[in-house]
């Protein structure tokens, strides 16, 4: 079955947009982690993204962590759909 043009456009634009949003949220969490002790968590979280979410949640960065998780989910889902079509 052939996908429609709007769906094709969405599957073309959504994965990179979601990835950009995810990276932005990740860097924001890392920057806020760097601003509070212990600072080594920021360096580790930069290299291991799940720790940024974990420590961000512990540090009460609820909005950023929800954005991080939502953008990751949208990226994975839309990328999987794009690759499947």
PDB file of N, CA and C in Angstrom:
ATOM      1  N   UNK A   1       0.848  -1.171   0.000  1.00  0.00           N
ATOM      2  CA  UNK A   1       0.000   0.000   0.000  1.00  0.00           C
ATOM      3  C   UNK A   1       0.899   1.243   0.000  1.00  0.00           C
ATOM      4  N   UNK A   2       0.588   2.186  -0.850  1.00  0.00           N
ATOM      5  CA  UNK A   2       1.351   3.428  -0.962  1.00  0.00           C
ATOM      6  C   UNK A   2       0.876   4.441   0.076  1.00  0.00           C
ATOM      7  N   UNK A   3       1.830   5.032   0.787  1.00  0.00           N
ATOM      8  CA  UNK A   3       1.496   6.046   1.789  1.00  0.00           C
ATOM      9  C   UNK A   3       1.129   7.349   1.095  1.00  0.00           C
ATOM     10  N   UNK A   4       0.378   8.163   1.795  1.00  0.00           N
ATOM     11  CA  UNK A   4      -0.038   9.443   1.234  1.00  0.00           C
ATOM     12  C   UNK A   4       1.095  10.461   1.347  1.00  0.00           C
ATOM     13  N   UNK A   5       0.982  11.526   0.573  1.00  0.00           N
ATOM     14  CA  UNK A   5       2.011  12.563   0.566  1.00  0.00           C
ATOM     15  C   UNK A   5       2.179  13.237   1.930  1.00  0.00           C
ATOM     16  N   UNK A   6       1.109  13.589   2.662  1.00  0.00           N
ATOM     17  CA  UNK A   6       1.316  14.195   3.984  1.00  0.00           C
ATOM     18  C   UNK A   6       2.026  13.261   4.964  1.00  0.00           C
ATOM     19  N   UNK A   7       1.719  11.971   4.877  1.00  0.00           N
ATOM     20  CA  UNK A   7       2.386  11.012   5.750  1.00  0.00           C
ATOM     21  C   UNK A   7       3.862  10.898   5.388  1.00  0.00           C
ATOM     22  N   UNK A   8       4.145  10.883   4.096  1.00  0.00           N
ATOM     23  CA  UNK A   8       5.542  10.850   3.656  1.00  0.00           C
ATOM     24  C   UNK A   8       6.299  12.070   4.159  1.00  0.00           C
ATOM     25  N   UNK A   9       5.674  13.226   4.077  1.00  0.00           N
ATOM     26  CA  UNK A   9       6.306  14.457   4.541  1.00  0.00           C
ATOM     27  C   UNK A   9       6.533  14.407   6.053  1.00  0.00           C
ATOM     28  N   UNK A  10       5.543  13.921   6.783  1.00  0.00           N
ATOM     29  CA  UNK A  10       5.686  13.817   8.242  1.00  0.00           C
ATOM     30  C   UNK A  10       6.811  12.860   8.608  1.00  0.00           C
ATOM     31  N   UNK A  11       6.896  11.737   7.907  1.00  0.00           N
ATOM     32  CA  UNK A  11       7.947  10.768   8.200  1.00  0.00           C
ATOM     33  C   UNK A  11       9.317  11.246   7.746  1.00  0.00           C
ATOM     34  N   UNK A  12       9.347  12.238   6.893  1.00  0.00           N
ATOM     35  CA  UNK A  12      10.602  12.850   6.486  1.00  0.00           C
ATOM     36  C   UNK A  12      11.058  13.911   7.493  1.00  0.00           C
ATOM     37  N   UNK A  13      10.108  14.689   8.014  1.00  0.00           N
ATOM     38  CA  UNK A  13      10.455  15.819   8.871  1.00  0.00           C
ATOM     39  C   UNK A  13      10.483  15.507  10.368  1.00  0.00           C
ATOM     40  N   UNK A  14       9.639  14.601  10.824  1.00  0.00           N
ATOM     41  CA  UNK A  14       9.544  14.352  12.267  1.00  0.00           C
ATOM     42  C   UNK A  14      10.785  13.726  12.899  1.00  0.00           C
ATOM     43  N   UNK A  15      11.414  12.713  12.296  1.00  0.00           N
ATOM     44  CA  UNK A  15      12.589  12.148  12.977  1.00  0.00           C
ATOM     45  C   UNK A  15      13.719  13.153  13.233  1.00  0.00           C
ATOM     46  N   UNK A  16      14.143  13.958  12.253  1.00  0.00           N
ATOM     47  CA  UNK A  16      15.210  14.917  12.570  1.00  0.00           C
ATOM     48  C   UNK A  16      14.763  16.014  13.545  1.00  0.00           C
ATOM     49  N   UNK A  17      13.500  16.418  13.465  1.00  0.00           N
ATOM     50  CA  UNK A  17      13.008  17.438  14.398  1.00  0.00           C
ATOM     51  C   UNK A  17      12.973  16.889  15.821  1.00  0.00           C
ATOM     52  N   UNK A  18      12.512  15.647  15.980  1.00  0.00           N
ATOM     53  CA  UNK A  18      12.468  15.031  17.306  1.00  0.00           C
ATOM     54  C   UNK A  18      13.882  14.808  17.838  1.00  0.00           C
ATOM     55  N   UNK A  19      14.806  14.411  16.968  1.00  0.00           N
ATOM     56  CA  UNK A  19      16.192  14.218  17.404  1.00  0.00           C
ATOM     57  C   UNK A  19      16.805  15.539  17.855  1.00  0.00           C
ATOM     58  N   UNK A  20      16.538  16.608  17.125  1.00  0.00           N
ATOM     59  CA  UNK A  20      17.054  17.925  17.518  1.00  0.00           C
ATOM     60  C   UNK A  20      16.485  18.355  18.865  1.00  0.00           C
ATOM     61  N   UNK A  21      15.207  18.113  19.088  1.00  0.00           N
ATOM     62  CA  UNK A  21      14.581  18.444  20.362  1.00  0.00           C
ATOM     63  C   UNK A  21      15.162  17.598  21.492  1.00  0.00           C
ATOM     64  N   UNK A  22      15.397  16.320  21.222  1.00  0.00           N
ATOM     65  CA  UNK A  22      15.995  15.430  22.216  1.00  0.00           C
ATOM     66  C   UNK A  22      17.396  15.904  22.605  1.00  0.00           C
ATOM     67  N   UNK A  23      18.216  16.231  21.616  1.00  0.00           N
ATOM     68  CA  UNK A  23      19.585  16.691  21.890  1.00  0.00           C
ATOM     69  C   UNK A  23      19.556  18.005  22.666  1.00  0.00           C
ATOM     70  N   UNK A  24      18.658  18.899  22.309  1.00  0.00           N
ATOM     71  CA  UNK A  24      18.542  20.170  23.020  1.00  0.00           C
ATOM     72  C   UNK A  24      18.150  19.955  24.479  1.00  0.00           C
ATOM     73  N   UNK A  25      17.181  19.096  24.718  1.00  0.00           N
ATOM     74  CA  UNK A  25      16.761  18.801  26.093  1.00  0.00           C
ATOM     75  C   UNK A  25      17.884  18.126  26.859  1.00  0.00           C
ATOM     76  N   UNK A  26      18.606  17.234  26.206  1.00  0.00           N
ATOM     77  CA  UNK A  26      19.717  16.537  26.860  1.00  0.00           C
ATOM     78  C   UNK A  26      20.806  17.526  27.280  1.00  0.00           C
ATOM     79  N   UNK A  27      21.179  18.421  26.379  1.00  0.00           N
ATOM     80  CA  UNK A  27      22.210  19.419  26.693  1.00  0.00           C
ATOM     81  C   UNK A  27      21.731  20.351  27.809  1.00  0.00           C
ATOM     82  N   UNK A  28      20.456  20.699  27.817  1.00  0.00           N
ATOM     83  CA  UNK A  28      19.916  21.560  28.879  1.00  0.00           C
ATOM     84  C   UNK A  28      19.979  20.854  30.236  1.00  0.00           C
ATOM     85  N   UNK A  29      19.653  19.580  30.266  1.00  0.00           N
ATOM     86  CA  UNK A  29      19.739  18.826  31.524  1.00  0.00           C
ATOM     87  C   UNK A  29      21.187  18.753  31.984  1.00  0.00           C
ATOM     88  N   UNK A  30      22.101  18.462  31.067  1.00  0.00           N
ATOM     89  CA  UNK A  30      23.523  18.386  31.421  1.00  0.00           C
ATOM     90  C   UNK A  30      24.020  19.730  31.946  1.00  0.00           C
ATOM     91  N   UNK A  31      23.612  20.814  31.316  1.00  0.00           N
ATOM     92  CA  UNK A  31      24.036  22.143  31.765  1.00  0.00           C
ATOM     93  C   UNK A  31      23.529  22.440  33.173  1.00  0.00           C
ATOM     94  N   UNK A  32      22.291  22.071  33.455  1.00  0.00           N
ATOM     95  CA  UNK A  32      21.756  22.302  34.805  1.00  0.00           C
ATOM     96  C   UNK A  32      22.407  21.381  35.818  1.00  0.00           C
ATOM     97  N   UNK A  33      22.761  20.168  35.417  1.00  0.00           N
ATOM     98  CA  UNK A  33      23.488  19.282  36.322  1.00  0.00           C
ATOM     99  C   UNK A  33      24.877  19.841  36.631  1.00  0.00           C
ATOM    100  N   UNK A  34      25.491  20.477  35.639  1.00  0.00           N
ATOM    101  CA  UNK A  34      26.809  21.085  35.853  1.00  0.00           C
ATOM    102  C   UNK A  34      26.738  22.242  36.843  1.00  0.00           C
ATOM    103  N   UNK A  35      25.590  22.885  36.919  1.00  0.00           N
ATOM    104  CA  UNK A  35      25.432  24.025  37.807  1.00  0.00           C
ATOM    105  C   UNK A  35      25.256  23.669  39.270  1.00  0.00           C
ATOM    106  N   UNK A  36      25.116  22.394  39.580  1.00  0.00           N
ATOM    107  CA  UNK A  36      24.950  22.000  40.984  1.00  0.00           C
ATOM    108  C   UNK A  36      25.875  20.827  41.299  1.00  0.00           C
ATOM    109  N   UNK A  37      26.387  20.793  42.524  1.00  0.00           N
ATOM    110  CA  UNK A  37      27.296  19.701  42.889  1.00  0.00           C
ATOM    111  C   UNK A  37      26.544  18.389  43.036  1.00  0.00           C
ATOM    112  N   UNK A  38      27.137  17.279  42.829  1.00  0.00           N
ATOM    113  CA  UNK A  38      28.499  17.069  42.300  1.00  0.00           C
ATOM    114  C   UNK A  38      28.532  17.246  40.778  1.00  0.00           C
ATOM    115  N   UNK A  39      29.503  18.001  40.316  1.00  0.00           N
ATOM    116  CA  UNK A  39      29.581  18.374  38.904  1.00  0.00           C
ATOM    117  C   UNK A  39      29.975  17.218  37.986  1.00  0.00           C
ATOM    118  N   UNK A  40      30.585  16.190  38.525  1.00  0.00           N
ATOM    119  CA  UNK A  40      31.013  15.062  37.700  1.00  0.00           C
ATOM    120  C   UNK A  40      29.818  14.368  37.044  1.00  0.00           C
ATOM    121  N   UNK A  41      28.633  14.516  37.639  1.00  0.00           N
ATOM    122  CA  UNK A  41      27.435  13.897  37.055  1.00  0.00           C
ATOM    123  C   UNK A  41      27.145  14.453  35.667  1.00  0.00           C
ATOM    124  N   UNK A  42      27.462  15.725  35.458  1.00  0.00           N
ATOM    125  CA  UNK A  42      27.209  16.340  34.144  1.00  0.00           C
ATOM    126  C   UNK A  42      28.076  15.680  33.074  1.00  0.00           C
ATOM    127  N   UNK A  43      29.338  15.431  33.378  1.00  0.00           N
ATOM    128  CA  UNK A  43      30.231  14.801  32.401  1.00  0.00           C
ATOM    129  C   UNK A  43      29.784  13.373  32.089  1.00  0.00           C
ATOM    130  N   UNK A  44      29.396  12.645  33.124  1.00  0.00           N
ATOM    131  CA  UNK A  44      28.949  11.268  32.917  1.00  0.00           C
ATOM    132  C   UNK A  44      27.624  11.252  32.149  1.00  0.00           C
ATOM    133  N   UNK A  45      26.711  12.156  32.500  1.00  0.00           N
ATOM    134  CA  UNK A  45      25.407  12.214  31.841  1.00  0.00           C
ATOM    135  C   UNK A  45      25.536  12.635  30.379  1.00  0.00           C
ATOM    136  N   UNK A  46      26.556  13.404  30.058  1.00  0.00           N
ATOM    137  CA  UNK A  46      26.771  13.798  28.673  1.00  0.00           C
ATOM    138  C   UNK A  46      27.093  12.580  27.811  1.00  0.00           C
ATOM    139  N   UNK A  47      27.827  11.638  28.377  1.00  0.00           N
ATOM    140  CA  UNK A  47      28.224  10.440  27.640  1.00  0.00           C
ATOM    141  C   UNK A  47      27.206   9.307  27.724  1.00  0.00           C
ATOM    142  N   UNK A  48      26.434   9.269  28.799  1.00  0.00           N
ATOM    143  CA  UNK A  48      25.432   8.221  29.003  1.00  0.00           C
ATOM    144  C   UNK A  48      24.055   8.866  29.173  1.00  0.00           C
ATOM    145  N   UNK A  49      23.342   9.099  28.071  1.00  0.00           N
ATOM    146  CA  UNK A  49      22.078   9.833  28.119  1.00  0.00           C
ATOM    147  C   UNK A  49      21.042   9.337  29.119  1.00  0.00           C
ATOM    148  N   UNK A  50      20.888   8.027  29.351  1.00  0.00           N
ATOM    149  CA  UNK A  50      19.874   7.630  30.341  1.00  0.00           C
ATOM    150  C   UNK A  50      20.155   8.175  31.746  1.00  0.00           C
ATOM    151  N   UNK A  51      21.425   8.382  32.059  1.00  0.00           N
ATOM    152  CA  UNK A  51      21.749   8.949  33.374  1.00  0.00           C
ATOM    153  C   UNK A  51      21.327  10.414  33.468  1.00  0.00           C
ATOM    154  N   UNK A  52      21.321  11.126  32.356  1.00  0.00           N
ATOM    155  CA  UNK A  52      20.840  12.511  32.371  1.00  0.00           C
ATOM    156  C   UNK A  52      19.371  12.532  32.764  1.00  0.00           C
ATOM    157  N   UNK A  53      18.595  11.625  32.199  1.00  0.00           N
ATOM    158  CA  UNK A  53      17.178  11.536  32.557  1.00  0.00           C
ATOM    159  C   UNK A  53      17.019  11.158  34.027  1.00  0.00           C
ATOM    160  N   UNK A  54      17.768  10.171  34.486  1.00  0.00           N
ATOM    161  CA  UNK A  54      17.672   9.700  35.864  1.00  0.00           C
ATOM    162  C   UNK A  54      18.050  10.794  36.863  1.00  0.00           C
ATOM    163  N   UNK A  55      19.217  11.409  36.665  1.00  0.00           N
ATOM    164  CA  UNK A  55      19.654  12.451  37.589  1.00  0.00           C
ATOM    165  C   UNK A  55      18.835  13.721  37.450  1.00  0.00           C
ATOM    166  N   UNK A  56      18.360  14.000  36.257  1.00  0.00           N
ATOM    167  CA  UNK A  56      17.486  15.149  36.062  1.00  0.00           C
ATOM    168  C   UNK A  56      16.174  14.978  36.808  1.00  0.00           C
ATOM    169  N   UNK A  57      15.639  13.776  36.796  1.00  0.00           N
ATOM    170  CA  UNK A  57      14.417  13.489  37.541  1.00  0.00           C
ATOM    171  C   UNK A  57      14.655  13.648  39.046  1.00  0.00           C
ATOM    172  N   UNK A  58      15.783  13.151  39.518  1.00  0.00           N
ATOM    173  CA  UNK A  58      16.121  13.291  40.938  1.00  0.00           C
ATOM    174  C   UNK A  58      16.291  14.750  41.335  1.00  0.00           C
ATOM    175  N   UNK A  59      16.793  15.570  40.412  1.00  0.00           N
ATOM    176  CA  UNK A  59      17.027  16.992  40.693  1.00  0.00           C
ATOM    177  C   UNK A  59      15.792  17.849  40.435  1.00  0.00           C
ATOM    178  N   UNK A  60      14.641  17.219  40.237  1.00  0.00           N
ATOM    179  CA  UNK A  60      13.358  17.916  40.051  1.00  0.00           C
ATOM    180  C   UNK A  60      13.300  18.743  38.774  1.00  0.00           C
ATOM    181  N   UNK A  61      13.961  18.269  37.704  1.00  0.00           N
ATOM    182  CA  UNK A  61      13.868  18.913  36.389  1.00  0.00           C
ATOM    183  C   UNK A  61      12.760  18.230  35.601  1.00  0.00           C
ATOM    184  N   UNK A  62      11.571  18.255  36.144  1.00  0.00           N
ATOM    185  CA  UNK A  62      10.451  17.484  35.608  1.00  0.00           C
ATOM    186  C   UNK A  62      10.128  17.849  34.165  1.00  0.00           C
ATOM    187  N   UNK A  63      10.010  19.118  33.864  1.00  0.00           N
ATOM    188  CA  UNK A  63       9.628  19.533  32.509  1.00  0.00           C
ATOM    189  C   UNK A  63      10.686  19.127  31.483  1.00  0.00           C
ATOM    190  N   UNK A  64      11.944  19.350  31.804  1.00  0.00           N
ATOM    191  CA  UNK A  64      13.010  18.977  30.874  1.00  0.00           C
ATOM    192  C   UNK A  64      13.070  17.468  30.670  1.00  0.00           C
ATOM    193  N   UNK A  65      12.872  16.721  31.730  1.00  0.00           N
ATOM    194  CA  UNK A  65      12.914  15.262  31.618  1.00  0.00           C
ATOM    195  C   UNK A  65      11.725  14.728  30.816  1.00  0.00           C
ATOM    196  N   UNK A  66      10.574  15.335  30.980  1.00  0.00           N
ATOM    197  CA  UNK A  66       9.418  14.927  30.164  1.00  0.00           C
ATOM    198  C   UNK A  66       9.659  15.253  28.698  1.00  0.00           C
ATOM    199  N   UNK A  67      10.231  16.405  28.427  1.00  0.00           N
ATOM    200  CA  UNK A  67      10.569  16.787  27.059  1.00  0.00           C
ATOM    201  C   UNK A  67      11.597  15.818  26.480  1.00  0.00           C
ATOM    202  N   UNK A  68      12.617  15.473  27.269  1.00  0.00           N
ATOM    203  CA  UNK A  68      13.653  14.527  26.868  1.00  0.00           C
ATOM    204  C   UNK A  68      13.037  13.184  26.484  1.00  0.00           C
ATOM    205  N   UNK A  69      12.192  12.652  27.348  1.00  0.00           N
ATOM    206  CA  UNK A  69      11.575  11.351  27.120  1.00  0.00           C
ATOM    207  C   UNK A  69      10.588  11.397  25.949  1.00  0.00           C
ATOM    208  N   UNK A  70       9.778  12.437  25.890  1.00  0.00           N
ATOM    209  CA  UNK A  70       8.816  12.568  24.796  1.00  0.00           C
ATOM    210  C   UNK A  70       9.498  12.683  23.450  1.00  0.00           C
ATOM    211  N   UNK A  71      10.544  13.481  23.372  1.00  0.00           N
ATOM    212  CA  UNK A  71      11.266  13.638  22.110  1.00  0.00           C
ATOM    213  C   UNK A  71      11.934  12.326  21.704  1.00  0.00           C
ATOM    214  N   UNK A  72      12.462  11.599  22.668  1.00  0.00           N
ATOM    215  CA  UNK A  72      13.080  10.311  22.362  1.00  0.00           C
ATOM    216  C   UNK A  72      12.043   9.324  21.824  1.00  0.00           C
ATOM    217  N   UNK A  73      10.880   9.275  22.460  1.00  0.00           N
ATOM    218  CA  UNK A  73       9.833   8.363  22.011  1.00  0.00           C
ATOM    219  C   UNK A  73       9.344   8.717  20.609  1.00  0.00           C
ATOM    220  N   UNK A  74       9.124  10.008  20.361  1.00  0.00           N
ATOM    221  CA  UNK A  74       8.679  10.434  19.025  1.00  0.00           C
ATOM    222  C   UNK A  74       9.754  10.096  17.989  1.00  0.00           C
ATOM    223  N   UNK A  75      11.007  10.314  18.323  1.00  0.00           N
ATOM    224  CA  UNK A  75      12.097  10.007  17.394  1.00  0.00           C
ATOM    225  C   UNK A  75      12.124   8.516  17.051  1.00  0.00           C
ATOM    226  N   UNK A  76      12.096   7.674  18.072  1.00  0.00           N
ATOM    227  CA  UNK A  76      12.171   6.228  17.834  1.00  0.00           C
ATOM    228  C   UNK A  76      10.966   5.742  17.028  1.00  0.00           C
ATOM    229  N   UNK A  77       9.770   6.190  17.406  1.00  0.00           N
ATOM    230  CA  UNK A  77       8.567   5.740  16.695  1.00  0.00           C
ATOM    231  C   UNK A  77       8.538   6.207  15.247  1.00  0.00           C
ATOM    232  N   UNK A  78       8.829   7.477  15.022  1.00  0.00           N
ATOM    233  CA  UNK A  78       8.764   7.988  13.650  1.00  0.00           C
ATOM    234  C   UNK A  78       9.896   7.423  12.796  1.00  0.00           C
ATOM    235  N   UNK A  79      11.050   7.202  13.382  1.00  0.00           N
ATOM    236  CA  UNK A  79      12.153   6.602  12.626  1.00  0.00           C
ATOM    237  C   UNK A  79      11.792   5.168  12.246  1.00  0.00           C
ATOM    238  N   UNK A  80      11.207   4.422  13.175  1.00  0.00           N
ATOM    239  CA  UNK A  80      10.798   3.048  12.870  1.00  0.00           C
ATOM    240  C   UNK A  80       9.736   3.020  11.766  1.00  0.00           C
ATOM    241  N   UNK A  81       8.783   3.942  11.838  1.00  0.00           N
ATOM    242  CA  UNK A  81       7.754   4.008  10.786  1.00  0.00           C
ATOM    243  C   UNK A  81       8.358   4.390   9.438  1.00  0.00           C
ATOM    244  N   UNK A  82       9.284   5.337   9.467  1.00  0.00           N
ATOM    245  CA  UNK A  82       9.919   5.779   8.219  1.00  0.00           C
ATOM    246  C   UNK A  82      10.736   4.655   7.595  1.00  0.00           C
ATOM    247  N   UNK A  83      11.436   3.896   8.414  1.00  0.00           N
ATOM    248  CA  UNK A  83      12.238   2.803   7.892  1.00  0.00           C
ATOM    249  C   UNK A  83      11.383   1.632   7.401  1.00  0.00           C
ATOM    250  N   UNK A  84      10.214   1.468   8.007  1.00  0.00           N
ATOM    251  CA  UNK A  84       9.323   0.379   7.628  1.00  0.00           C
ATOM    252  C   UNK A  84       8.570   0.661   6.325  1.00  0.00           C
ATOM    253  N   UNK A  85       8.425   1.950   6.000  1.00  0.00           N
ATOM    254  CA  UNK A  85       7.645   2.265   4.788  1.00  0.00           C
ATOM    255  C   UNK A  85       8.503   2.352   3.551  1.00  0.00           C
TER     256      UNK A  85
END
